[in-house]
Amino acid sequence: MAQKTGKPSADQRIDESLKRVYDAQLQEQVPDKFLELIAKLKSTEGSQDHG
């Protein structure tokens, strides 16, 4: 049950904290090394489709 004291419950505080962390992660750039690996995988997949 929700508390009526005007103070957020522990669940609400956890929920808000998790949302802040998740939103911060979404704002981070993908590392160049990871983008390079994705590009290599895509080129490998493309060459396998034709051979």
PDB file of N, CA and C in Angstrom:
ATOM      1  N   MET A   1       0.831  -1.188   0.000  1.00  0.00           N
ATOM      2  CA  MET A   1       0.000   0.000   0.000  1.00  0.00           C
ATOM      3  C   MET A   1       0.872   1.248   0.000  1.00  0.00           C
ATOM      4  N   ALA A   2       0.365   2.290  -0.591  1.00  0.00           N
ATOM      5  CA  ALA A   2       1.106   3.555  -0.662  1.00  0.00           C
ATOM      6  C   ALA A   2       1.010   4.276   0.676  1.00  0.00           C
ATOM      7  N   GLN A   3       2.085   4.930   1.017  1.00  0.00           N
ATOM      8  CA  GLN A   3       2.092   5.720   2.237  1.00  0.00           C
ATOM      9  C   GLN A   3       1.429   7.060   1.957  1.00  0.00           C
ATOM     10  N   LYS A   4       0.776   7.620   2.945  1.00  0.00           N
ATOM     11  CA  LYS A   4       0.083   8.896   2.767  1.00  0.00           C
ATOM     12  C   LYS A   4       0.773  10.017   3.520  1.00  0.00           C
ATOM     13  N   THR A   5       2.045   9.856   3.848  1.00  0.00           N
ATOM     14  CA  THR A   5       2.750  10.870   4.618  1.00  0.00           C
ATOM     15  C   THR A   5       3.361  11.935   3.719  1.00  0.00           C
ATOM     16  N   GLY A   6       3.249  11.775   2.393  1.00  0.00           N
ATOM     17  CA  GLY A   6       3.875  12.715   1.481  1.00  0.00           C
ATOM     18  C   GLY A   6       5.321  12.347   1.207  1.00  0.00           C
ATOM     19  N   LYS A   7       5.823  11.396   1.942  1.00  0.00           N
ATOM     20  CA  LYS A   7       7.193  10.929   1.781  1.00  0.00           C
ATOM     21  C   LYS A   7       7.180   9.709   0.852  1.00  0.00           C
ATOM     22  N   PRO A   8       8.059   9.697  -0.154  1.00  0.00           N
ATOM     23  CA  PRO A   8       8.042   8.551  -1.067  1.00  0.00           C
ATOM     24  C   PRO A   8       8.412   7.254  -0.349  1.00  0.00           C
ATOM     25  N   SER A   9       7.766   6.180  -0.768  1.00  0.00           N
ATOM     26  CA  SER A   9       8.069   4.880  -0.181  1.00  0.00           C
ATOM     27  C   SER A   9       9.421   4.394  -0.696  1.00  0.00           C
ATOM     28  N   ALA A  10       9.935   3.362  -0.074  1.00  0.00           N
ATOM     29  CA  ALA A  10      11.213   2.792  -0.496  1.00  0.00           C
ATOM     30  C   ALA A  10      11.115   2.320  -1.951  1.00  0.00           C
ATOM     31  N   ASP A  11       9.993   1.709  -2.318  1.00  0.00           N
ATOM     32  CA  ASP A  11       9.805   1.253  -3.695  1.00  0.00           C
ATOM     33  C   ASP A  11       9.851   2.415  -4.684  1.00  0.00           C
ATOM     34  N   GLN A  12       9.225   3.522  -4.315  1.00  0.00           N
ATOM     35  CA  GLN A  12       9.225   4.696  -5.189  1.00  0.00           C
ATOM     36  C   GLN A  12      10.629   5.262  -5.342  1.00  0.00           C
ATOM     37  N   ARG A  13      11.377   5.321  -4.249  1.00  0.00           N
ATOM     38  CA  ARG A  13      12.747   5.839  -4.311  1.00  0.00           C
ATOM     39  C   ARG A  13      13.631   4.939  -5.171  1.00  0.00           C
ATOM     40  N   ILE A  14      13.466   3.629  -5.002  1.00  0.00           N
ATOM     41  CA  ILE A  14      14.242   2.684  -5.813  1.00  0.00           C
ATOM     42  C   ILE A  14      13.880   2.844  -7.278  1.00  0.00           C
ATOM     43  N   ASP A  15      12.588   2.925  -7.562  1.00  0.00           N
ATOM     44  CA  ASP A  15      12.113   3.085  -8.938  1.00  0.00           C
ATOM     45  C   ASP A  15      12.696   4.342  -9.579  1.00  0.00           C
ATOM     46  N   GLU A  16      12.653   5.450  -8.864  1.00  0.00           N
ATOM     47  CA  GLU A  16      13.183   6.712  -9.388  1.00  0.00           C
ATOM     48  C   GLU A  16      14.690   6.637  -9.603  1.00  0.00           C
ATOM     49  N   SER A  17      15.395   5.993  -8.686  1.00  0.00           N
ATOM     50  CA  SER A  17      16.846   5.853  -8.828  1.00  0.00           C
ATOM     51  C   SER A  17      17.200   4.994 -10.037  1.00  0.00           C
ATOM     52  N   LEU A  18      16.488   3.897 -10.201  1.00  0.00           N
ATOM     53  CA  LEU A  18      16.743   3.034 -11.351  1.00  0.00           C
ATOM     54  C   LEU A  18      16.458   3.752 -12.665  1.00  0.00           C
ATOM     55  N   LYS A  19      15.400   4.543 -12.708  1.00  0.00           N
ATOM     56  CA  LYS A  19      15.082   5.311 -13.914  1.00  0.00           C
ATOM     57  C   LYS A  19      16.186   6.319 -14.228  1.00  0.00           C
ATOM     58  N   ARG A  20      16.731   6.983 -13.200  1.00  0.00           N
ATOM     59  CA  ARG A  20      17.822   7.940 -13.416  1.00  0.00           C
ATOM     60  C   ARG A  20      19.057   7.245 -13.972  1.00  0.00           C
ATOM     61  N   VAL A  21      19.401   6.092 -13.403  1.00  0.00           N
ATOM     62  CA  VAL A  21      20.572   5.348 -13.868  1.00  0.00           C
ATOM     63  C   VAL A  21      20.357   4.882 -15.302  1.00  0.00           C
ATOM     64  N   TYR A  22      19.180   4.355 -15.600  1.00  0.00           N
ATOM     65  CA  TYR A  22      18.878   3.872 -16.941  1.00  0.00           C
ATOM     66  C   TYR A  22      18.919   5.022 -17.950  1.00  0.00           C
ATOM     67  N   ASP A  23      18.334   6.147 -17.605  1.00  0.00           N
ATOM     68  CA  ASP A  23      18.351   7.307 -18.496  1.00  0.00           C
ATOM     69  C   ASP A  23      19.775   7.801 -18.744  1.00  0.00           C
ATOM     70  N   ALA A  24      20.607   7.768 -17.708  1.00  0.00           N
ATOM     71  CA  ALA A  24      22.008   8.184 -17.868  1.00  0.00           C
ATOM     72  C   ALA A  24      22.740   7.241 -18.821  1.00  0.00           C
ATOM     73  N   GLN A  25      22.459   5.946 -18.720  1.00  0.00           N
ATOM     74  CA  GLN A  25      23.094   4.972 -19.611  1.00  0.00           C
ATOM     75  C   GLN A  25      22.686   5.223 -21.067  1.00  0.00           C
ATOM     76  N   LEU A  26      21.442   5.583 -21.270  1.00  0.00           N
ATOM     77  CA  LEU A  26      20.967   5.831 -22.631  1.00  0.00           C
ATOM     78  C   LEU A  26      21.656   7.030 -23.271  1.00  0.00           C
ATOM     79  N   GLN A  27      22.119   7.962 -22.447  1.00  0.00           N
ATOM     80  CA  GLN A  27      22.764   9.166 -22.959  1.00  0.00           C
ATOM     81  C   GLN A  27      24.235   8.946 -23.318  1.00  0.00           C
ATOM     82  N   GLU A  28      24.825   7.850 -22.835  1.00  0.00           N
ATOM     83  CA  GLU A  28      26.241   7.600 -23.100  1.00  0.00           C
ATOM     84  C   GLU A  28      26.447   7.161 -24.549  1.00  0.00           C
ATOM     85  N   GLN A  29      27.586   7.559 -25.102  1.00  0.00           N
ATOM     86  CA  GLN A  29      27.942   7.185 -26.462  1.00  0.00           C
ATOM     87  C   GLN A  29      28.445   5.747 -26.503  1.00  0.00           C
ATOM     88  N   VAL A  30      28.198   5.076 -27.621  1.00  0.00           N
ATOM     89  CA  VAL A  30      28.726   3.730 -27.809  1.00  0.00           C
ATOM     90  C   VAL A  30      30.219   3.863 -28.092  1.00  0.00           C
ATOM     91  N   PRO A  31      31.066   3.095 -27.393  1.00  0.00           N
ATOM     92  CA  PRO A  31      32.511   3.189 -27.619  1.00  0.00           C
ATOM     93  C   PRO A  31      32.889   2.838 -29.058  1.00  0.00           C
ATOM     94  N   ASP A  32      33.901   3.538 -29.585  1.00  0.00           N
ATOM     95  CA  ASP A  32      34.352   3.313 -30.958  1.00  0.00           C
ATOM     96  C   ASP A  32      34.733   1.858 -31.193  1.00  0.00           C
ATOM     97  N   LYS A  33      35.396   1.241 -30.229  1.00  0.00           N
ATOM     98  CA  LYS A  33      35.820  -0.158 -30.382  1.00  0.00           C
ATOM     99  C   LYS A  33      34.610  -1.062 -30.608  1.00  0.00           C
ATOM    100  N   PHE A  34      33.540  -0.809 -29.898  1.00  0.00           N
ATOM    101  CA  PHE A  34      32.329  -1.598 -30.049  1.00  0.00           C
ATOM    102  C   PHE A  34      31.706  -1.382 -31.429  1.00  0.00           C
ATOM    103  N   LEU A  35      31.697  -0.142 -31.899  1.00  0.00           N
ATOM    104  CA  LEU A  35      31.169   0.155 -33.228  1.00  0.00           C
ATOM    105  C   LEU A  35      32.000  -0.543 -34.310  1.00  0.00           C
ATOM    106  N   GLU A  36      33.316  -0.585 -34.109  1.00  0.00           N
ATOM    107  CA  GLU A  36      34.188  -1.279 -35.060  1.00  0.00           C
ATOM    108  C   GLU A  36      33.881  -2.775 -35.094  1.00  0.00           C
ATOM    109  N   LEU A  37      33.661  -3.366 -33.936  1.00  0.00           N
ATOM    110  CA  LEU A  37      33.330  -4.793 -33.875  1.00  0.00           C
ATOM    111  C   LEU A  37      32.001  -5.082 -34.570  1.00  0.00           C
ATOM    112  N   ILE A  38      31.031  -4.209 -34.389  1.00  0.00           N
ATOM    113  CA  ILE A  38      29.738  -4.380 -35.054  1.00  0.00           C
ATOM    114  C   ILE A  38      29.914  -4.307 -36.564  1.00  0.00           C
ATOM    115  N   ALA A  39      30.712  -3.355 -37.034  1.00  0.00           N
ATOM    116  CA  ALA A  39      30.952  -3.212 -38.463  1.00  0.00           C
ATOM    117  C   ALA A  39      31.628  -4.472 -39.026  1.00  0.00           C
ATOM    118  N   LYS A  40      32.577  -5.021 -38.292  1.00  0.00           N
ATOM    119  CA  LYS A  40      33.252  -6.255 -38.740  1.00  0.00           C
ATOM    120  C   LYS A  40      32.265  -7.412 -38.814  1.00  0.00           C
ATOM    121  N   LEU A  41      31.405  -7.529 -37.819  1.00  0.00           N
ATOM    122  CA  LEU A  41      30.409  -8.599 -37.832  1.00  0.00           C
ATOM    123  C   LEU A  41      29.456  -8.460 -39.018  1.00  0.00           C
ATOM    124  N   LYS A  42      29.028  -7.239 -39.272  1.00  0.00           N
ATOM    125  CA  LYS A  42      28.120  -7.012 -40.401  1.00  0.00           C
ATOM    126  C   LYS A  42      28.789  -7.363 -41.719  1.00  0.00           C
ATOM    127  N   SER A  43      30.067  -6.996 -41.877  1.00  0.00           N
ATOM    128  CA  SER A  43      30.753  -7.301 -43.133  1.00  0.00           C
ATOM    129  C   SER A  43      30.969  -8.804 -43.270  1.00  0.00           C
ATOM    130  N   THR A  44      31.207  -9.494 -42.164  1.00  0.00           N
ATOM    131  CA  THR A  44      31.365 -10.950 -42.192  1.00  0.00           C
ATOM    132  C   THR A  44      30.052 -11.612 -42.567  1.00  0.00           C
ATOM    133  N   GLU A  45      28.954 -11.150 -41.998  1.00  0.00           N
ATOM    134  CA  GLU A  45      27.630 -11.701 -42.319  1.00  0.00           C
ATOM    135  C   GLU A  45      27.321 -11.480 -43.794  1.00  0.00           C
ATOM    136  N   GLY A  46      27.640 -10.319 -44.307  1.00  0.00           N
ATOM    137  CA  GLY A  46      27.380 -10.007 -45.706  1.00  0.00           C
ATOM    138  C   GLY A  46      28.164 -10.896 -46.646  1.00  0.00           C
ATOM    139  N   SER A  47      29.410 -11.190 -46.320  1.00  0.00           N
ATOM    140  CA  SER A  47      30.216 -12.037 -47.191  1.00  0.00           C
ATOM    141  C   SER A  47      29.764 -13.487 -47.105  1.00  0.00           C
ATOM    142  N   GLN A  48      29.224 -13.927 -45.990  1.00  0.00           N
ATOM    143  CA  GLN A  48      28.734 -15.295 -45.854  1.00  0.00           C
ATOM    144  C   GLN A  48      27.437 -15.481 -46.651  1.00  0.00           C
ATOM    145  N   ASP A  49      26.647 -14.444 -46.769  1.00  0.00           N
ATOM    146  CA  ASP A  49      25.391 -14.535 -47.518  1.00  0.00           C
ATOM    147  C   ASP A  49      25.643 -14.741 -48.997  1.00  0.00           C
ATOM    148  N   HIS A  50      26.763 -14.236 -49.503  1.00  0.00           N
ATOM    149  CA  HIS A  50      27.050 -14.317 -50.931  1.00  0.00           C
ATOM    150  C   HIS A  50      27.933 -15.503 -51.293  1.00  0.00           C
ATOM    151  N   GLY A  51      28.386 -16.266 -50.347  1.00  0.00           N
ATOM    152  CA  GLY A  51      29.337 -17.319 -50.658  1.00  0.00           C
ATOM    153  C   GLY A  51      28.908 -18.622 -50.317  1.00  0.00           C
TER     154      GLY A  51
END
